[in-house]
Amino acid sequence: MATDLGELQAFLAVARAGGFREAGRAAGASASGLSEAVRRLETRLGVRLLHRTTRSVRPTEAGERLLERLGPALGEVEAAMDVVNGFRDRPAGTLRLNVPVSAARLVLPAIVPGFLAAYPEIRLEITAEEGFVDVLAAGCDAGIRYDERLEADMIAVPIGPRVQRFATAASPDYLRRRGRPEHPRDLLGHACLRGRFPSGSMPPWEFEREGETVRVDPTGPLVVSIGGAVDLSVDAAVGGAGIVALFEDWLRPHLDSGALEAVLEPWWPAFSGPFLYYSGRRLVPAPLRAFIDFIKHRPAAGRR
């Protein structure tokens, strides 16, 4: 059976975007052209791939199966075609990264401007989310995660600070009203501002000191989704609502200004910094190779 890559790409774009118009805007193509390409593909295969209603477009069971295999396969085709990019004076194309919100806020701002200046013909697309995803199936070239969330078959390259800490902090007003915890277990009697992952899990707060590890599961008046709503918990802590636990670098501006005060600092746990990860099972696209080389040769200053 003859394969038309354009039709497959049209199906992939529409399935990911959830609609023909949305896919057309993202791909710079017409909705009618995408619809016709998908119709030809369905006719060629003899099976419906998309459920179409006036409100939404979603894959059928057959479409889901095709989508699972198609994303990585087309990514491999694009990477193979991109090999010639390495022969250019300056690599060009699109680099898609999937990163946690913390990396988008704390790691990439020190990297992105310099990278874009060095490679003006590369377009960088960043998706920030907390859940661990298959970067190839999601249409991304690479991701950023921490080592405990990396899959064994991925290649990992250090990026950003090599050591980070989780910090706990509260406003001076809160500490005047409620007192200052002296031990992590004291947090069980305090108003703590918690975070919940998209999976629904709400990780306990962990502390370390002189070889002792303490985990506590405090309660409080506010729970936010880890990612996009974290700034709300920081603002609530600044406003005196309770104690917040977060990356030290995220809280550092408020600690330096005095809006927040460190709580239990001798117990703050340190952990290894994030990694850029990508599949070792595919050719490395030229934009990704340029990004890897760029972060490997960045000055060590500021990368604790």
C-alpha atoms as a PDB file:
ATOM      1  CA  MET A   1       0.000   0.000   0.000  1.00  0.00           C
ATOM      2  CA  ALA A   2       1.423   3.362  -1.055  1.00  0.00           C
ATOM      3  CA  THR A   3       2.098   5.777   1.815  1.00  0.00           C
ATOM      4  CA  ASP A   4       1.603   9.525   1.541  1.00  0.00           C
ATOM      5  CA  LEU A   5       3.599  11.293   4.250  1.00  0.00           C
ATOM      6  CA  GLY A   6       1.565  14.466   3.752  1.00  0.00           C
ATOM      7  CA  GLU A   7      -1.650  12.621   4.599  1.00  0.00           C
ATOM      8  CA  LEU A   8      -0.073  11.041   7.668  1.00  0.00           C
ATOM      9  CA  GLN A   9       1.252  14.400   8.815  1.00  0.00           C
ATOM     10  CA  ALA A  10      -2.186  15.941   8.324  1.00  0.00           C
ATOM     11  CA  PHE A  11      -3.808  13.230  10.456  1.00  0.00           C
ATOM     12  CA  LEU A  12      -1.175  13.649  13.164  1.00  0.00           C
ATOM     13  CA  ALA A  13      -1.618  17.431  13.246  1.00  0.00           C
ATOM     14  CA  VAL A  14      -5.410  17.228  13.474  1.00  0.00           C
ATOM     15  CA  ALA A  15      -5.409  14.481  16.116  1.00  0.00           C
ATOM     16  CA  ARG A  16      -2.972  16.401  18.315  1.00  0.00           C
ATOM     17  CA  ALA A  17      -4.737  19.736  17.887  1.00  0.00           C
ATOM     18  CA  GLY A  18      -8.217  18.303  18.393  1.00  0.00           C
ATOM     19  CA  GLY A  19      -9.662  20.016  15.350  1.00  0.00           C
ATOM     20  CA  PHE A  20      -9.058  20.964  11.729  1.00  0.00           C
ATOM     21  CA  ARG A  21      -9.075  24.713  12.291  1.00  0.00           C
ATOM     22  CA  GLU A  22      -6.741  24.461  15.275  1.00  0.00           C
ATOM     23  CA  ALA A  23      -4.378  22.212  13.322  1.00  0.00           C
ATOM     24  CA  GLY A  24      -4.509  24.554  10.350  1.00  0.00           C
ATOM     25  CA  ARG A  25      -3.529  27.538  12.483  1.00  0.00           C
ATOM     26  CA  ALA A  26      -0.662  25.613  14.078  1.00  0.00           C
ATOM     27  CA  ALA A  27       0.623  24.202  10.783  1.00  0.00           C
ATOM     28  CA  GLY A  28      -0.023  27.233   8.603  1.00  0.00           C
ATOM     29  CA  ALA A  29      -2.358  25.207   6.384  1.00  0.00           C
ATOM     30  CA  SER A  30      -6.025  25.427   5.482  1.00  0.00           C
ATOM     31  CA  ALA A  31      -8.581  23.450   7.485  1.00  0.00           C
ATOM     32  CA  SER A  32     -10.201  22.258   4.253  1.00  0.00           C
ATOM     33  CA  GLY A  33      -6.865  21.014   2.922  1.00  0.00           C
ATOM     34  CA  LEU A  34      -6.209  19.044   6.114  1.00  0.00           C
ATOM     35  CA  SER A  35      -9.727  17.618   6.053  1.00  0.00           C
ATOM     36  CA  GLU A  36      -9.295  16.443   2.476  1.00  0.00           C
ATOM     37  CA  ALA A  37      -5.906  14.865   3.266  1.00  0.00           C
ATOM     38  CA  VAL A  38      -7.366  12.934   6.211  1.00  0.00           C
ATOM     39  CA  ARG A  39     -10.346  11.839   4.087  1.00  0.00           C
ATOM     40  CA  ARG A  40      -7.978  10.477   1.420  1.00  0.00           C
ATOM     41  CA  LEU A  41      -6.002   8.612   4.103  1.00  0.00           C
ATOM     42  CA  GLU A  42      -9.161   7.048   5.552  1.00  0.00           C
ATOM     43  CA  THR A  43     -10.276   6.016   2.060  1.00  0.00           C
ATOM     44  CA  ARG A  44      -6.874   4.518   1.349  1.00  0.00           C
ATOM     45  CA  LEU A  45      -6.868   2.562   4.623  1.00  0.00           C
ATOM     46  CA  GLY A  46     -10.543   1.658   4.500  1.00  0.00           C
ATOM     47  CA  VAL A  47     -11.138   2.653   8.127  1.00  0.00           C
ATOM     48  CA  ARG A  48     -12.348   5.761   9.930  1.00  0.00           C
ATOM     49  CA  LEU A  49      -9.552   7.420  11.920  1.00  0.00           C
ATOM     50  CA  LEU A  50     -11.358  10.433  13.398  1.00  0.00           C
ATOM     51  CA  HIS A  51     -14.717  10.973  15.064  1.00  0.00           C
ATOM     52  CA  ARG A  52     -16.013  14.314  13.779  1.00  0.00           C
ATOM     53  CA  THR A  53     -18.730  16.324  15.506  1.00  0.00           C
ATOM     54  CA  THR A  54     -19.663  19.984  15.339  1.00  0.00           C
ATOM     55  CA  ARG A  55     -17.845  20.528  18.651  1.00  0.00           C
ATOM     56  CA  SER A  56     -14.788  18.303  18.510  1.00  0.00           C
ATOM     57  CA  VAL A  57     -12.594  15.956  16.537  1.00  0.00           C
ATOM     58  CA  ARG A  58     -11.058  12.964  18.284  1.00  0.00           C
ATOM     59  CA  PRO A  59      -9.365   9.739  17.152  1.00  0.00           C
ATOM     60  CA  THR A  60     -11.291   6.501  16.816  1.00  0.00           C
ATOM     61  CA  GLU A  61      -9.797   3.362  18.339  1.00  0.00           C
ATOM     62  CA  ALA A  62      -8.023   2.709  15.039  1.00  0.00           C
ATOM     63  CA  GLY A  63      -6.869   6.319  14.991  1.00  0.00           C
ATOM     64  CA  GLU A  64      -5.484   6.013  18.517  1.00  0.00           C
ATOM     65  CA  ARG A  65      -3.473   2.936  17.528  1.00  0.00           C
ATOM     66  CA  LEU A  66      -2.101   4.711  14.473  1.00  0.00           C
ATOM     67  CA  LEU A  67      -1.318   7.816  16.520  1.00  0.00           C
ATOM     68  CA  GLU A  68       0.713   5.812  19.057  1.00  0.00           C
ATOM     69  CA  ARG A  69       3.028   4.515  16.334  1.00  0.00           C
ATOM     70  CA  LEU A  70       2.934   7.440  13.967  1.00  0.00           C
ATOM     71  CA  GLY A  71       4.367  10.190  16.204  1.00  0.00           C
ATOM     72  CA  PRO A  72       7.706   8.462  16.862  1.00  0.00           C
ATOM     73  CA  ALA A  73       7.896   7.161  13.274  1.00  0.00           C
ATOM     74  CA  LEU A  74       7.418  10.585  11.678  1.00  0.00           C
ATOM     75  CA  GLY A  75       9.826  12.053  14.193  1.00  0.00           C
ATOM     76  CA  GLU A  76      12.414   9.563  12.966  1.00  0.00           C
ATOM     77  CA  VAL A  77      11.724  10.519   9.348  1.00  0.00           C
ATOM     78  CA  GLU A  78      12.136  14.218  10.171  1.00  0.00           C
ATOM     79  CA  ALA A  79      15.371  13.486  12.031  1.00  0.00           C
ATOM     80  CA  ALA A  80      16.703  11.490   9.084  1.00  0.00           C
ATOM     81  CA  MET A  81      15.923  14.329   6.693  1.00  0.00           C
ATOM     82  CA  ASP A  82      17.526  16.731   9.142  1.00  0.00           C
ATOM     83  CA  VAL A  83      20.905  14.989   8.863  1.00  0.00           C
ATOM     84  CA  VAL A  84      21.734  17.270   5.943  1.00  0.00           C
ATOM     85  CA  ASN A  85      21.149  20.223   8.266  1.00  0.00           C
ATOM     86  CA  GLY A  86      24.469  19.410   9.876  1.00  0.00           C
ATOM     87  CA  PHE A  87      26.230  20.386   6.670  1.00  0.00           C
ATOM     88  CA  ARG A  88      24.915  23.951   6.857  1.00  0.00           C
ATOM     89  CA  ASP A  89      26.988  26.794   8.272  1.00  0.00           C
ATOM     90  CA  ARG A  90      24.283  27.334  10.878  1.00  0.00           C
ATOM     91  CA  PRO A  91      21.670  24.691  11.823  1.00  0.00           C
ATOM     92  CA  ALA A  92      18.050  25.635  11.150  1.00  0.00           C
ATOM     93  CA  GLY A  93      14.643  24.253  12.002  1.00  0.00           C
ATOM     94  CA  THR A  94      12.426  23.768  15.025  1.00  0.00           C
ATOM     95  CA  LEU A  95      13.491  22.375  18.396  1.00  0.00           C
ATOM     96  CA  ARG A  96      10.627  21.197  20.605  1.00  0.00           C
ATOM     97  CA  LEU A  97      11.244  20.677  24.330  1.00  0.00           C
ATOM     98  CA  ASN A  98       8.929  19.320  27.025  1.00  0.00           C
ATOM     99  CA  VAL A  99       9.915  20.687  30.445  1.00  0.00           C
ATOM    100  CA  PRO A 100       8.513  21.085  33.969  1.00  0.00           C
ATOM    101  CA  VAL A 101       7.305  24.537  34.945  1.00  0.00           C
ATOM    102  CA  SER A 102      10.205  24.845  37.390  1.00  0.00           C
ATOM    103  CA  ALA A 103      12.707  24.435  34.545  1.00  0.00           C
ATOM    104  CA  ALA A 104      10.874  26.957  32.390  1.00  0.00           C
ATOM    105  CA  ARG A 105      11.104  29.422  35.250  1.00  0.00           C
ATOM    106  CA  LEU A 106      14.461  28.657  36.881  1.00  0.00           C
ATOM    107  CA  VAL A 107      16.692  26.979  34.277  1.00  0.00           C
ATOM    108  CA  LEU A 108      15.817  28.074  30.746  1.00  0.00           C
ATOM    109  CA  PRO A 109      15.850  31.881  31.227  1.00  0.00           C
ATOM    110  CA  ALA A 110      19.636  31.749  31.638  1.00  0.00           C
ATOM    111  CA  ILE A 111      20.018  29.623  28.486  1.00  0.00           C
ATOM    112  CA  VAL A 112      17.396  30.557  25.907  1.00  0.00           C
ATOM    113  CA  PRO A 113      18.434  34.140  25.004  1.00  0.00           C
ATOM    114  CA  GLY A 114      22.045  33.154  24.362  1.00  0.00           C
ATOM    115  CA  PHE A 115      21.053  30.057  22.410  1.00  0.00           C
ATOM    116  CA  LEU A 116      18.645  31.962  20.148  1.00  0.00           C
ATOM    117  CA  ALA A 117      21.271  34.633  19.555  1.00  0.00           C
ATOM    118  CA  ALA A 118      23.840  31.994  18.607  1.00  0.00           C
ATOM    119  CA  TYR A 119      21.419  30.111  16.325  1.00  0.00           C
ATOM    120  CA  PRO A 120      19.023  32.658  14.807  1.00  0.00           C
ATOM    121  CA  GLU A 121      17.682  30.151  12.286  1.00  0.00           C
ATOM    122  CA  ILE A 122      16.432  27.777  14.986  1.00  0.00           C
ATOM    123  CA  ARG A 123      12.923  28.170  16.344  1.00  0.00           C
ATOM    124  CA  LEU A 124      12.436  26.959  19.929  1.00  0.00           C
ATOM    125  CA  GLU A 125       9.052  25.608  21.061  1.00  0.00           C
ATOM    126  CA  ILE A 126       8.615  24.921  24.794  1.00  0.00           C
ATOM    127  CA  THR A 127       5.797  22.918  26.385  1.00  0.00           C
ATOM    128  CA  ALA A 128       5.763  23.235  30.193  1.00  0.00           C
ATOM    129  CA  GLU A 129       3.940  20.525  32.140  1.00  0.00           C
ATOM    130  CA  GLU A 130       4.588  18.398  35.203  1.00  0.00           C
ATOM    131  CA  GLY A 131       3.614  14.921  34.058  1.00  0.00           C
ATOM    132  CA  PHE A 132       6.324  12.627  32.673  1.00  0.00           C
ATOM    133  CA  VAL A 133       5.672  12.089  28.979  1.00  0.00           C
ATOM    134  CA  ASP A 134       7.083  10.079  26.102  1.00  0.00           C
ATOM    135  CA  VAL A 135       8.769  12.977  24.348  1.00  0.00           C
ATOM    136  CA  LEU A 136       8.770  11.270  20.961  1.00  0.00           C
ATOM    137  CA  ALA A 137       5.085  10.347  21.112  1.00  0.00           C
ATOM    138  CA  ALA A 138       4.333  13.921  22.206  1.00  0.00           C
ATOM    139  CA  GLY A 139       6.107  15.271  19.136  1.00  0.00           C
ATOM    140  CA  CYS A 140       9.049  16.697  21.105  1.00  0.00           C
ATOM    141  CA  ASP A 141      12.746  16.288  20.427  1.00  0.00           C
ATOM    142  CA  ALA A 142      13.849  16.273  24.068  1.00  0.00           C
ATOM    143  CA  GLY A 143      12.732  17.054  27.593  1.00  0.00           C
ATOM    144  CA  ILE A 144      14.025  18.263  30.921  1.00  0.00           C
ATOM    145  CA  ARG A 145      13.431  16.208  34.064  1.00  0.00           C
ATOM    146  CA  TYR A 146      15.185  15.140  37.247  1.00  0.00           C
ATOM    147  CA  ASP A 147      17.129  11.898  37.458  1.00  0.00           C
ATOM    148  CA  GLU A 148      14.521   9.973  39.445  1.00  0.00           C
ATOM    149  CA  ARG A 149      12.057  10.515  36.585  1.00  0.00           C
ATOM    150  CA  LEU A 150      14.339   9.549  33.681  1.00  0.00           C
ATOM    151  CA  GLU A 151      13.798   6.349  31.745  1.00  0.00           C
ATOM    152  CA  ALA A 152      16.717   3.956  31.463  1.00  0.00           C
ATOM    153  CA  ASP A 153      16.947   4.094  27.659  1.00  0.00           C
ATOM    154  CA  MET A 154      17.291   7.877  27.554  1.00  0.00           C
ATOM    155  CA  ILE A 155      20.504   9.853  27.123  1.00  0.00           C
ATOM    156  CA  ALA A 156      20.796  12.509  29.838  1.00  0.00           C
ATOM    157  CA  VAL A 157      22.891  15.677  29.733  1.00  0.00           C
ATOM    158  CA  PRO A 158      23.205  17.945  32.811  1.00  0.00           C
ATOM    159  CA  ILE A 159      21.522  21.309  32.386  1.00  0.00           C
ATOM    160  CA  GLY A 160      21.216  24.179  34.856  1.00  0.00           C
ATOM    161  CA  PRO A 161      22.315  24.130  38.517  1.00  0.00           C
ATOM    162  CA  ARG A 162      23.901  20.842  39.521  1.00  0.00           C
ATOM    163  CA  VAL A 163      22.706  21.107  43.119  1.00  0.00           C
ATOM    164  CA  GLN A 164      19.386  22.555  44.228  1.00  0.00           C
ATOM    165  CA  ARG A 165      17.513  22.715  47.526  1.00  0.00           C
ATOM    166  CA  PHE A 166      13.905  22.594  48.614  1.00  0.00           C
ATOM    167  CA  ALA A 167      13.159  25.462  50.967  1.00  0.00           C
ATOM    168  CA  THR A 168      10.391  26.240  53.436  1.00  0.00           C
ATOM    169  CA  ALA A 169       9.438  29.811  54.196  1.00  0.00           C
ATOM    170  CA  ALA A 170       6.744  32.022  55.686  1.00  0.00           C
ATOM    171  CA  SER A 171       6.040  35.717  56.039  1.00  0.00           C
ATOM    172  CA  PRO A 172       7.280  37.621  59.120  1.00  0.00           C
ATOM    173  CA  ASP A 173       3.633  38.301  60.013  1.00  0.00           C
ATOM    174  CA  TYR A 174       2.744  34.605  59.979  1.00  0.00           C
ATOM    175  CA  LEU A 175       5.736  33.703  62.147  1.00  0.00           C
ATOM    176  CA  ARG A 176       4.839  36.429  64.653  1.00  0.00           C
ATOM    177  CA  ARG A 177       1.297  35.092  64.914  1.00  0.00           C
ATOM    178  CA  ARG A 178       1.961  31.341  64.864  1.00  0.00           C
ATOM    179  CA  GLY A 179       5.538  30.968  66.056  1.00  0.00           C
ATOM    180  CA  ARG A 180       8.571  29.507  64.298  1.00  0.00           C
ATOM    181  CA  PRO A 181       8.834  25.721  63.839  1.00  0.00           C
ATOM    182  CA  GLU A 182      12.003  24.266  65.357  1.00  0.00           C
ATOM    183  CA  HIS A 183      11.651  20.728  63.982  1.00  0.00           C
ATOM    184  CA  PRO A 184       9.944  19.412  60.820  1.00  0.00           C
ATOM    185  CA  ARG A 185       7.318  17.639  62.928  1.00  0.00           C
ATOM    186  CA  ASP A 186       6.270  21.028  64.293  1.00  0.00           C
ATOM    187  CA  LEU A 187       4.801  21.696  60.848  1.00  0.00           C
ATOM    188  CA  LEU A 188       1.912  19.371  61.729  1.00  0.00           C
ATOM    189  CA  GLY A 189       0.615  22.185  63.908  1.00  0.00           C
ATOM    190  CA  HIS A 190       0.995  24.887  61.257  1.00  0.00           C
ATOM    191  CA  ALA A 191      -0.913  26.094  58.210  1.00  0.00           C
ATOM    192  CA  CYS A 192       1.031  24.627  55.281  1.00  0.00           C
ATOM    193  CA  LEU A 193       0.424  25.483  51.642  1.00  0.00           C
ATOM    194  CA  ARG A 194       0.546  22.251  49.664  1.00  0.00           C
ATOM    195  CA  GLY A 195       0.961  21.193  46.054  1.00  0.00           C
ATOM    196  CA  ARG A 196      -0.642  18.360  44.094  1.00  0.00           C
ATOM    197  CA  PHE A 197       0.723  16.754  40.909  1.00  0.00           C
ATOM    198  CA  PRO A 198      -1.553  16.301  37.856  1.00  0.00           C
ATOM    199  CA  SER A 199      -1.653  12.569  38.728  1.00  0.00           C
ATOM    200  CA  GLY A 200      -3.432  13.477  41.974  1.00  0.00           C
ATOM    201  CA  SER A 201      -0.542  12.614  44.279  1.00  0.00           C
ATOM    202  CA  MET A 202       0.409  15.107  46.962  1.00  0.00           C
ATOM    203  CA  PRO A 203       4.030  14.420  47.947  1.00  0.00           C
ATOM    204  CA  PRO A 204       4.997  14.717  51.615  1.00  0.00           C
ATOM    205  CA  TRP A 205       7.524  17.319  52.658  1.00  0.00           C
ATOM    206  CA  GLU A 206      10.967  15.824  53.178  1.00  0.00           C
ATOM    207  CA  PHE A 207      13.761  17.195  55.357  1.00  0.00           C
ATOM    208  CA  GLU A 208      17.334  16.086  56.030  1.00  0.00           C
ATOM    209  CA  ARG A 209      19.896  16.961  58.678  1.00  0.00           C
ATOM    210  CA  GLU A 210      23.112  15.198  59.695  1.00  0.00           C
ATOM    211  CA  GLY A 211      22.010  11.929  58.116  1.00  0.00           C
ATOM    212  CA  GLU A 212      18.474  12.036  59.520  1.00  0.00           C
ATOM    213  CA  THR A 213      15.551  12.146  57.106  1.00  0.00           C
ATOM    214  CA  VAL A 214      12.111  13.270  58.242  1.00  0.00           C
ATOM    215  CA  ARG A 215       8.965  13.173  56.111  1.00  0.00           C
ATOM    216  CA  VAL A 216       5.839  14.990  57.193  1.00  0.00           C
ATOM    217  CA  ASP A 217       2.394  15.297  55.645  1.00  0.00           C
ATOM    218  CA  PRO A 218       1.040  18.588  57.008  1.00  0.00           C
ATOM    219  CA  THR A 219      -2.322  20.145  56.285  1.00  0.00           C
ATOM    220  CA  GLY A 220      -3.322  23.686  55.504  1.00  0.00           C
ATOM    221  CA  PRO A 221      -5.818  26.055  53.966  1.00  0.00           C
ATOM    222  CA  LEU A 222      -4.561  25.909  50.361  1.00  0.00           C
ATOM    223  CA  VAL A 223      -3.693  23.179  47.848  1.00  0.00           C
ATOM    224  CA  VAL A 224      -2.530  24.167  44.354  1.00  0.00           C
ATOM    225  CA  SER A 225      -1.635  22.185  41.250  1.00  0.00           C
ATOM    226  CA  ILE A 226       2.118  21.774  40.966  1.00  0.00           C
ATOM    227  CA  GLY A 227       3.064  23.750  37.902  1.00  0.00           C
ATOM    228  CA  GLY A 228       0.946  26.644  36.759  1.00  0.00           C
ATOM    229  CA  ALA A 229      -0.623  27.482  40.147  1.00  0.00           C
ATOM    230  CA  VAL A 230       2.529  27.418  42.269  1.00  0.00           C
ATOM    231  CA  ASP A 231       2.904  31.199  42.186  1.00  0.00           C
ATOM    232  CA  LEU A 232      -0.445  31.445  43.957  1.00  0.00           C
ATOM    233  CA  SER A 233       0.934  29.514  46.934  1.00  0.00           C
ATOM    234  CA  VAL A 234       3.968  31.819  47.005  1.00  0.00           C
ATOM    235  CA  ASP A 235       1.739  34.895  46.951  1.00  0.00           C
ATOM    236  CA  ALA A 236      -0.401  33.375  49.699  1.00  0.00           C
ATOM    237  CA  ALA A 237       2.688  32.770  51.831  1.00  0.00           C
ATOM    238  CA  VAL A 238       3.840  36.359  51.292  1.00  0.00           C
ATOM    239  CA  GLY A 239       0.362  37.436  52.365  1.00  0.00           C
ATOM    240  CA  GLY A 240       0.652  35.539  55.641  1.00  0.00           C
ATOM    241  CA  ALA A 241      -1.553  32.515  54.842  1.00  0.00           C
ATOM    242  CA  GLY A 242       0.974  29.863  55.835  1.00  0.00           C
ATOM    243  CA  ILE A 243       4.250  28.077  55.181  1.00  0.00           C
ATOM    244  CA  VAL A 244       5.264  27.250  51.616  1.00  0.00           C
ATOM    245  CA  ALA A 245       7.748  24.580  50.441  1.00  0.00           C
ATOM    246  CA  LEU A 246       9.362  25.074  47.057  1.00  0.00           C
ATOM    247  CA  PHE A 247      12.641  25.303  45.164  1.00  0.00           C
ATOM    248  CA  GLU A 248      14.989  27.654  46.990  1.00  0.00           C
ATOM    249  CA  ASP A 249      15.708  29.530  43.749  1.00  0.00           C
ATOM    250  CA  TRP A 250      11.969  30.122  43.266  1.00  0.00           C
ATOM    251  CA  LEU A 251      11.652  31.649  46.730  1.00  0.00           C
ATOM    252  CA  ARG A 252      15.020  33.426  46.737  1.00  0.00           C
ATOM    253  CA  PRO A 253      13.774  36.858  45.546  1.00  0.00           C
ATOM    254  CA  HIS A 254      11.217  36.929  48.371  1.00  0.00           C
ATOM    255  CA  LEU A 255      13.771  35.728  50.918  1.00  0.00           C
ATOM    256  CA  ASP A 256      16.221  38.410  49.821  1.00  0.00           C
ATOM    257  CA  SER A 257      13.570  41.140  49.980  1.00  0.00           C
ATOM    258  CA  GLY A 258      12.370  40.090  53.427  1.00  0.00           C
ATOM    259  CA  ALA A 259       8.838  39.308  52.230  1.00  0.00           C
ATOM    260  CA  LEU A 260       9.497  35.725  53.344  1.00  0.00           C
ATOM    261  CA  GLU A 261      11.751  34.318  56.050  1.00  0.00           C
ATOM    262  CA  ALA A 262      13.512  30.967  55.942  1.00  0.00           C
ATOM    263  CA  VAL A 263      11.917  28.225  58.041  1.00  0.00           C
ATOM    264  CA  LEU A 264      13.893  25.150  59.145  1.00  0.00           C
ATOM    265  CA  GLU A 265      16.813  26.056  56.868  1.00  0.00           C
ATOM    266  CA  PRO A 266      19.257  23.583  58.492  1.00  0.00           C
ATOM    267  CA  TRP A 267      16.839  20.851  57.387  1.00  0.00           C
ATOM    268  CA  TRP A 268      16.490  21.916  53.740  1.00  0.00           C
ATOM    269  CA  PRO A 269      17.270  18.860  51.559  1.00  0.00           C
ATOM    270  CA  ALA A 270      19.657  19.145  48.620  1.00  0.00           C
ATOM    271  CA  PHE A 271      19.178  17.188  45.397  1.00  0.00           C
ATOM    272  CA  SER A 272      20.865  16.880  42.018  1.00  0.00           C
ATOM    273  CA  GLY A 273      19.892  19.340  39.311  1.00  0.00           C
ATOM    274  CA  PRO A 274      17.902  18.637  36.148  1.00  0.00           C
ATOM    275  CA  PHE A 275      18.925  16.882  32.955  1.00  0.00           C
ATOM    276  CA  LEU A 276      18.129  17.375  29.310  1.00  0.00           C
ATOM    277  CA  TYR A 277      17.061  13.939  28.072  1.00  0.00           C
ATOM    278  CA  TYR A 278      16.458  12.497  24.631  1.00  0.00           C
ATOM    279  CA  SER A 279      16.122   9.120  23.019  1.00  0.00           C
ATOM    280  CA  GLY A 280      19.242   7.222  22.054  1.00  0.00           C
ATOM    281  CA  ARG A 281      17.172   5.213  19.582  1.00  0.00           C
ATOM    282  CA  ARG A 282      16.946   7.951  16.945  1.00  0.00           C
ATOM    283  CA  LEU A 283      19.093  10.266  14.926  1.00  0.00           C
ATOM    284  CA  VAL A 284      19.737  13.541  16.719  1.00  0.00           C
ATOM    285  CA  PRO A 285      18.212  16.461  14.760  1.00  0.00           C
ATOM    286  CA  ALA A 286      20.601  19.310  14.050  1.00  0.00           C
ATOM    287  CA  PRO A 287      18.714  21.862  16.230  1.00  0.00           C
ATOM    288  CA  LEU A 288      18.856  19.463  19.190  1.00  0.00           C
ATOM    289  CA  ARG A 289      22.557  18.754  18.563  1.00  0.00           C
ATOM    290  CA  ALA A 290      23.206  22.497  18.546  1.00  0.00           C
ATOM    291  CA  PHE A 291      21.315  22.887  21.841  1.00  0.00           C
ATOM    292  CA  ILE A 292      23.245  20.020  23.450  1.00  0.00           C
ATOM    293  CA  ASP A 293      26.566  21.505  22.350  1.00  0.00           C
ATOM    294  CA  PHE A 294      25.485  24.929  23.600  1.00  0.00           C
ATOM    295  CA  ILE A 295      24.608  23.777  27.137  1.00  0.00           C
ATOM    296  CA  LYS A 296      27.731  21.607  27.354  1.00  0.00           C
ATOM    297  CA  HIS A 297      29.983  24.588  26.599  1.00  0.00           C
ATOM    298  CA  ARG A 298      28.244  27.191  28.726  1.00  0.00           C
ATOM    299  CA  PRO A 299      30.447  28.815  31.401  1.00  0.00           C
ATOM    300  CA  ALA A 300      30.220  27.079  34.753  1.00  0.00           C
ATOM    301  CA  ALA A 301      29.450  30.344  36.554  1.00  0.00           C
ATOM    302  CA  GLY A 302      26.105  30.232  38.291  1.00  0.00           C
ATOM    303  CA  ARG A 303      25.732  26.471  37.781  1.00  0.00           C
ATOM    304  CA  ARG A 304      26.102  25.319  41.368  1.00  0.00           C
END
